[in-house]
């Protein structure tokens, strides 16, 4: 296989059944190119991933593979996708990345770096945007730009806040 289609799950828009815009785009691309479909991530403890995997199998996508990611973030999705490519498609030349339009820049950065860490520099990441939820994307765009800056600058993630802790106390403890 020279190509693979990768779809990152989420975000969950709060409605059942799930929003199928991303998976439908990924299935159509996978069938058009004739390559396997890798579905990574999930923000709903596996429910969304199972629904997407079943939809891909039912639609006749060639070789759909689903990988659950407990991290529930783009970095975890990218690491999972890179692991699948390294294990099952090491000779792939292209990885078509399907996600929402506003999420693509950060996703491409994360997936490219994850592939590079697995010595898969020869895999070119090709964006394949989904143009749904335009207003929601405009609302999220500033945070996505900040996320791109974070990914490019390789800053560590901010500390998680637990019960009774504040960011100030956490940051002062590090000193």
C-alpha atoms as a PDB file:
ATOM      1  CA  UNK A   1       0.000   0.000   0.000  1.00  0.00           C
ATOM      2  CA  UNK A   2       1.373   3.386  -0.970  1.00  0.00           C
ATOM      3  CA  UNK A   3      -1.251   5.475   0.830  1.00  0.00           C
ATOM      4  CA  UNK A   4      -3.327   5.381   3.985  1.00  0.00           C
ATOM      5  CA  UNK A   5      -6.250   7.535   5.140  1.00  0.00           C
ATOM      6  CA  UNK A   6      -6.157   8.633   8.780  1.00  0.00           C
ATOM      7  CA  UNK A   7      -9.097  10.166  10.608  1.00  0.00           C
ATOM      8  CA  UNK A   8      -8.867  11.776  14.041  1.00  0.00           C
ATOM      9  CA  UNK A   9     -12.112  11.447  16.045  1.00  0.00           C
ATOM     10  CA  UNK A  10     -13.836  14.249  17.917  1.00  0.00           C
ATOM     11  CA  UNK A  11     -14.769  16.717  19.051  1.00  0.00           C
ATOM     12  CA  UNK A  12     -18.026  15.407  20.446  1.00  0.00           C
ATOM     13  CA  UNK A  13     -20.751  17.918  19.602  1.00  0.00           C
ATOM     14  CA  UNK A  14     -23.100  16.610  22.274  1.00  0.00           C
ATOM     15  CA  UNK A  15     -25.654  14.881  20.085  1.00  0.00           C
ATOM     16  CA  UNK A  16     -26.500  11.245  19.528  1.00  0.00           C
ATOM     17  CA  UNK A  17     -26.161   9.803  16.987  1.00  0.00           C
ATOM     18  CA  UNK A  18     -22.661  11.124  16.486  1.00  0.00           C
ATOM     19  CA  UNK A  19     -21.752  13.645  13.819  1.00  0.00           C
ATOM     20  CA  UNK A  20     -20.612  11.574  10.824  1.00  0.00           C
ATOM     21  CA  UNK A  21     -19.060  14.330   8.675  1.00  0.00           C
ATOM     22  CA  UNK A  22     -15.457  13.279   9.313  1.00  0.00           C
ATOM     23  CA  UNK A  23     -15.992   9.548   8.929  1.00  0.00           C
ATOM     24  CA  UNK A  24     -18.061   9.950   5.756  1.00  0.00           C
ATOM     25  CA  UNK A  25     -15.286  12.081   4.206  1.00  0.00           C
ATOM     26  CA  UNK A  26     -12.672   9.536   5.309  1.00  0.00           C
ATOM     27  CA  UNK A  27     -14.667   6.613   3.876  1.00  0.00           C
ATOM     28  CA  UNK A  28     -15.178   8.394   0.540  1.00  0.00           C
ATOM     29  CA  UNK A  29     -11.468   9.246   0.303  1.00  0.00           C
ATOM     30  CA  UNK A  30     -10.413   5.732   1.287  1.00  0.00           C
ATOM     31  CA  UNK A  31     -12.645   4.199  -1.381  1.00  0.00           C
ATOM     32  CA  UNK A  32     -11.560   6.721  -4.044  1.00  0.00           C
ATOM     33  CA  UNK A  33      -7.841   6.185  -3.416  1.00  0.00           C
ATOM     34  CA  UNK A  34      -8.254   2.460  -2.646  1.00  0.00           C
ATOM     35  CA  UNK A  35      -6.279   2.485   0.566  1.00  0.00           C
ATOM     36  CA  UNK A  36      -6.826   1.448   4.205  1.00  0.00           C
ATOM     37  CA  UNK A  37      -8.635   3.678   6.682  1.00  0.00           C
ATOM     38  CA  UNK A  38      -7.185   4.214  10.170  1.00  0.00           C
ATOM     39  CA  UNK A  39      -9.547   5.757  12.747  1.00  0.00           C
ATOM     40  CA  UNK A  40      -7.783   7.132  15.843  1.00  0.00           C
ATOM     41  CA  UNK A  41      -8.895   8.744  19.054  1.00  0.00           C
ATOM     42  CA  UNK A  42     -12.220   9.078  20.807  1.00  0.00           C
ATOM     43  CA  UNK A  43     -13.614  11.398  23.408  1.00  0.00           C
ATOM     44  CA  UNK A  44     -16.519   9.167  24.429  1.00  0.00           C
ATOM     45  CA  UNK A  45     -14.804   6.123  25.981  1.00  0.00           C
ATOM     46  CA  UNK A  46     -14.911   4.073  22.799  1.00  0.00           C
ATOM     47  CA  UNK A  47     -18.554   4.612  21.797  1.00  0.00           C
ATOM     48  CA  UNK A  48     -17.774   7.005  18.944  1.00  0.00           C
ATOM     49  CA  UNK A  49     -14.887   4.853  17.709  1.00  0.00           C
ATOM     50  CA  UNK A  50     -17.076   1.742  17.592  1.00  0.00           C
ATOM     51  CA  UNK A  51     -19.811   3.611  15.703  1.00  0.00           C
ATOM     52  CA  UNK A  52     -17.314   5.017  13.190  1.00  0.00           C
ATOM     53  CA  UNK A  53     -15.609   1.641  12.699  1.00  0.00           C
ATOM     54  CA  UNK A  54     -18.957  -0.091  12.120  1.00  0.00           C
ATOM     55  CA  UNK A  55     -19.982   2.641   9.654  1.00  0.00           C
ATOM     56  CA  UNK A  56     -16.699   2.239   7.738  1.00  0.00           C
ATOM     57  CA  UNK A  57     -17.077  -1.556   7.551  1.00  0.00           C
ATOM     58  CA  UNK A  58     -20.714  -1.267   6.463  1.00  0.00           C
ATOM     59  CA  UNK A  59     -19.837   1.312   3.768  1.00  0.00           C
ATOM     60  CA  UNK A  60     -17.166  -0.948   2.317  1.00  0.00           C
ATOM     61  CA  UNK A  61     -14.049   1.034   3.197  1.00  0.00           C
ATOM     62  CA  UNK A  62     -10.960  -1.049   2.419  1.00  0.00           C
ATOM     63  CA  UNK A  63      -9.399  -2.425   5.610  1.00  0.00           C
ATOM     64  CA  UNK A  64     -10.778  -0.106   8.323  1.00  0.00           C
ATOM     65  CA  UNK A  65      -8.624  -0.136  11.477  1.00  0.00           C
ATOM     66  CA  UNK A  66      -9.725   1.506  14.745  1.00  0.00           C
ATOM     67  CA  UNK A  67      -7.294   2.532  17.519  1.00  0.00           C
ATOM     68  CA  UNK A  68      -8.625   3.828  20.829  1.00  0.00           C
ATOM     69  CA  UNK A  69      -6.648   6.638  22.433  1.00  0.00           C
ATOM     70  CA  UNK A  70      -7.076   7.162  26.176  1.00  0.00           C
ATOM     71  CA  UNK A  71      -5.321  10.531  26.067  1.00  0.00           C
ATOM     72  CA  UNK A  72      -8.256  12.123  24.235  1.00  0.00           C
ATOM     73  CA  UNK A  73      -6.103  14.715  22.481  1.00  0.00           C
ATOM     74  CA  UNK A  74      -4.490  15.376  19.122  1.00  0.00           C
ATOM     75  CA  UNK A  75      -1.026  14.322  20.267  1.00  0.00           C
ATOM     76  CA  UNK A  76      -2.352  10.937  21.420  1.00  0.00           C
ATOM     77  CA  UNK A  77      -4.213  10.498  18.119  1.00  0.00           C
ATOM     78  CA  UNK A  78      -1.030  11.265  16.184  1.00  0.00           C
ATOM     79  CA  UNK A  79       1.027   8.817  18.255  1.00  0.00           C
ATOM     80  CA  UNK A  80      -1.595   6.082  17.709  1.00  0.00           C
ATOM     81  CA  UNK A  81      -1.733   6.741  13.969  1.00  0.00           C
ATOM     82  CA  UNK A  82       2.074   6.694  13.660  1.00  0.00           C
ATOM     83  CA  UNK A  83       2.194   3.391  15.549  1.00  0.00           C
ATOM     84  CA  UNK A  84      -0.332   1.819  13.159  1.00  0.00           C
ATOM     85  CA  UNK A  85       1.543   3.077  10.097  1.00  0.00           C
ATOM     86  CA  UNK A  86       4.873   1.830  11.474  1.00  0.00           C
ATOM     87  CA  UNK A  87       3.459  -1.602  12.318  1.00  0.00           C
ATOM     88  CA  UNK A  88       1.149  -2.275   9.399  1.00  0.00           C
ATOM     89  CA  UNK A  89       2.046   0.101   6.538  1.00  0.00           C
ATOM     90  CA  UNK A  90       5.765   0.936   6.827  1.00  0.00           C
ATOM     91  CA  UNK A  91       6.095   1.433   3.053  1.00  0.00           C
ATOM     92  CA  UNK A  92       3.302   4.010   2.825  1.00  0.00           C
ATOM     93  CA  UNK A  93       4.265   7.154   0.923  1.00  0.00           C
ATOM     94  CA  UNK A  94       1.227   9.320   1.747  1.00  0.00           C
ATOM     95  CA  UNK A  95      -1.047   9.702   4.749  1.00  0.00           C
ATOM     96  CA  UNK A  96      -4.264  11.566   3.993  1.00  0.00           C
ATOM     97  CA  UNK A  97      -5.326  13.212   7.248  1.00  0.00           C
ATOM     98  CA  UNK A  98      -9.083  13.792   7.589  1.00  0.00           C
ATOM     99  CA  UNK A  99     -10.248  16.208  10.271  1.00  0.00           C
ATOM    100  CA  UNK A 100     -12.170  19.480  10.604  1.00  0.00           C
ATOM    101  CA  UNK A 101     -10.789  22.433   8.650  1.00  0.00           C
ATOM    102  CA  UNK A 102      -9.827  24.442  11.723  1.00  0.00           C
ATOM    103  CA  UNK A 103      -8.083  21.460  13.341  1.00  0.00           C
ATOM    104  CA  UNK A 104      -5.876  20.560  10.356  1.00  0.00           C
ATOM    105  CA  UNK A 105      -2.792  22.760  10.972  1.00  0.00           C
ATOM    106  CA  UNK A 106      -2.214  21.421  14.492  1.00  0.00           C
ATOM    107  CA  UNK A 107      -3.067  17.864  13.437  1.00  0.00           C
ATOM    108  CA  UNK A 108      -0.595  17.933  10.546  1.00  0.00           C
ATOM    109  CA  UNK A 109       2.152  19.237  12.856  1.00  0.00           C
ATOM    110  CA  UNK A 110       1.476  16.548  15.463  1.00  0.00           C
ATOM    111  CA  UNK A 111       1.212  13.677  12.957  1.00  0.00           C
ATOM    112  CA  UNK A 112       4.338  14.747  11.039  1.00  0.00           C
ATOM    113  CA  UNK A 113       6.347  14.822  14.263  1.00  0.00           C
ATOM    114  CA  UNK A 114       4.976  11.491  15.447  1.00  0.00           C
ATOM    115  CA  UNK A 115       5.908   9.901  12.104  1.00  0.00           C
ATOM    116  CA  UNK A 116       9.375  11.448  12.248  1.00  0.00           C
ATOM    117  CA  UNK A 117       9.932   9.993  15.740  1.00  0.00           C
ATOM    118  CA  UNK A 118       9.207   6.544  14.300  1.00  0.00           C
ATOM    119  CA  UNK A 119      11.700   7.121  11.447  1.00  0.00           C
ATOM    120  CA  UNK A 120       8.914   7.427   8.894  1.00  0.00           C
ATOM    121  CA  UNK A 121      10.194  10.630   7.295  1.00  0.00           C
ATOM    122  CA  UNK A 122       9.236   9.320   3.850  1.00  0.00           C
ATOM    123  CA  UNK A 123       5.493   9.541   4.658  1.00  0.00           C
ATOM    124  CA  UNK A 124       3.989  12.815   3.390  1.00  0.00           C
ATOM    125  CA  UNK A 125       1.002  14.055   5.386  1.00  0.00           C
ATOM    126  CA  UNK A 126      -1.706  15.314   3.018  1.00  0.00           C
ATOM    127  CA  UNK A 127      -4.511  17.389   4.597  1.00  0.00           C
ATOM    128  CA  UNK A 128      -8.079  16.444   3.698  1.00  0.00           C
ATOM    129  CA  UNK A 129     -10.376  18.970   5.400  1.00  0.00           C
ATOM    130  CA  UNK A 130     -13.974  18.517   6.424  1.00  0.00           C
ATOM    131  CA  UNK A 131     -15.889  21.779   6.036  1.00  0.00           C
ATOM    132  CA  UNK A 132     -18.680  21.112   8.559  1.00  0.00           C
ATOM    133  CA  UNK A 133     -19.366  23.230  11.645  1.00  0.00           C
ATOM    134  CA  UNK A 134     -18.070  26.450  10.147  1.00  0.00           C
ATOM    135  CA  UNK A 135     -19.326  28.719  12.952  1.00  0.00           C
ATOM    136  CA  UNK A 136     -18.009  26.378  15.634  1.00  0.00           C
ATOM    137  CA  UNK A 137     -14.649  26.372  13.853  1.00  0.00           C
ATOM    138  CA  UNK A 138     -14.483  30.156  13.826  1.00  0.00           C
ATOM    139  CA  UNK A 139     -15.137  30.142  17.565  1.00  0.00           C
ATOM    140  CA  UNK A 140     -12.376  27.533  18.166  1.00  0.00           C
ATOM    141  CA  UNK A 141      -9.859  29.013  15.720  1.00  0.00           C
ATOM    142  CA  UNK A 142      -7.959  31.221  18.242  1.00  0.00           C
ATOM    143  CA  UNK A 143      -7.361  28.201  20.481  1.00  0.00           C
ATOM    144  CA  UNK A 144      -6.279  26.101  17.517  1.00  0.00           C
ATOM    145  CA  UNK A 145      -3.753  28.779  16.524  1.00  0.00           C
ATOM    146  CA  UNK A 146      -2.459  28.784  20.100  1.00  0.00           C
ATOM    147  CA  UNK A 147      -2.256  24.986  19.901  1.00  0.00           C
ATOM    148  CA  UNK A 148      -0.190  25.247  16.687  1.00  0.00           C
ATOM    149  CA  UNK A 149       2.171  27.661  18.379  1.00  0.00           C
ATOM    150  CA  UNK A 150       2.461  25.257  21.320  1.00  0.00           C
ATOM    151  CA  UNK A 151       3.162  22.326  18.999  1.00  0.00           C
ATOM    152  CA  UNK A 152       5.751  24.218  16.941  1.00  0.00           C
ATOM    153  CA  UNK A 153       7.532  25.678  19.972  1.00  0.00           C
ATOM    154  CA  UNK A 154       7.404  22.313  21.769  1.00  0.00           C
ATOM    155  CA  UNK A 155       6.303  23.850  25.023  1.00  0.00           C
ATOM    156  CA  UNK A 156       5.266  21.399  27.741  1.00  0.00           C
ATOM    157  CA  UNK A 157       1.578  21.117  28.413  1.00  0.00           C
ATOM    158  CA  UNK A 158       0.305  23.268  31.288  1.00  0.00           C
ATOM    159  CA  UNK A 159      -0.111  21.408  34.599  1.00  0.00           C
ATOM    160  CA  UNK A 160      -3.449  19.764  35.263  1.00  0.00           C
ATOM    161  CA  UNK A 161      -5.446  21.262  38.074  1.00  0.00           C
ATOM    162  CA  UNK A 162      -6.644  18.872  40.724  1.00  0.00           C
ATOM    163  CA  UNK A 163      -9.107  19.472  43.525  1.00  0.00           C
ATOM    164  CA  UNK A 164      -7.945  22.186  45.873  1.00  0.00           C
ATOM    165  CA  UNK A 165      -4.917  23.155  43.814  1.00  0.00           C
ATOM    166  CA  UNK A 166      -4.309  26.291  41.890  1.00  0.00           C
ATOM    167  CA  UNK A 167      -1.980  27.027  39.028  1.00  0.00           C
ATOM    168  CA  UNK A 168      -0.135  29.519  41.223  1.00  0.00           C
ATOM    169  CA  UNK A 169       0.627  26.941  43.929  1.00  0.00           C
ATOM    170  CA  UNK A 170       1.623  24.398  41.295  1.00  0.00           C
ATOM    171  CA  UNK A 171       3.973  26.780  39.535  1.00  0.00           C
ATOM    172  CA  UNK A 172       5.499  27.982  42.832  1.00  0.00           C
ATOM    173  CA  UNK A 173       6.230  24.392  43.883  1.00  0.00           C
ATOM    174  CA  UNK A 174       8.396  23.955  40.799  1.00  0.00           C
ATOM    175  CA  UNK A 175      10.683  26.784  41.928  1.00  0.00           C
END
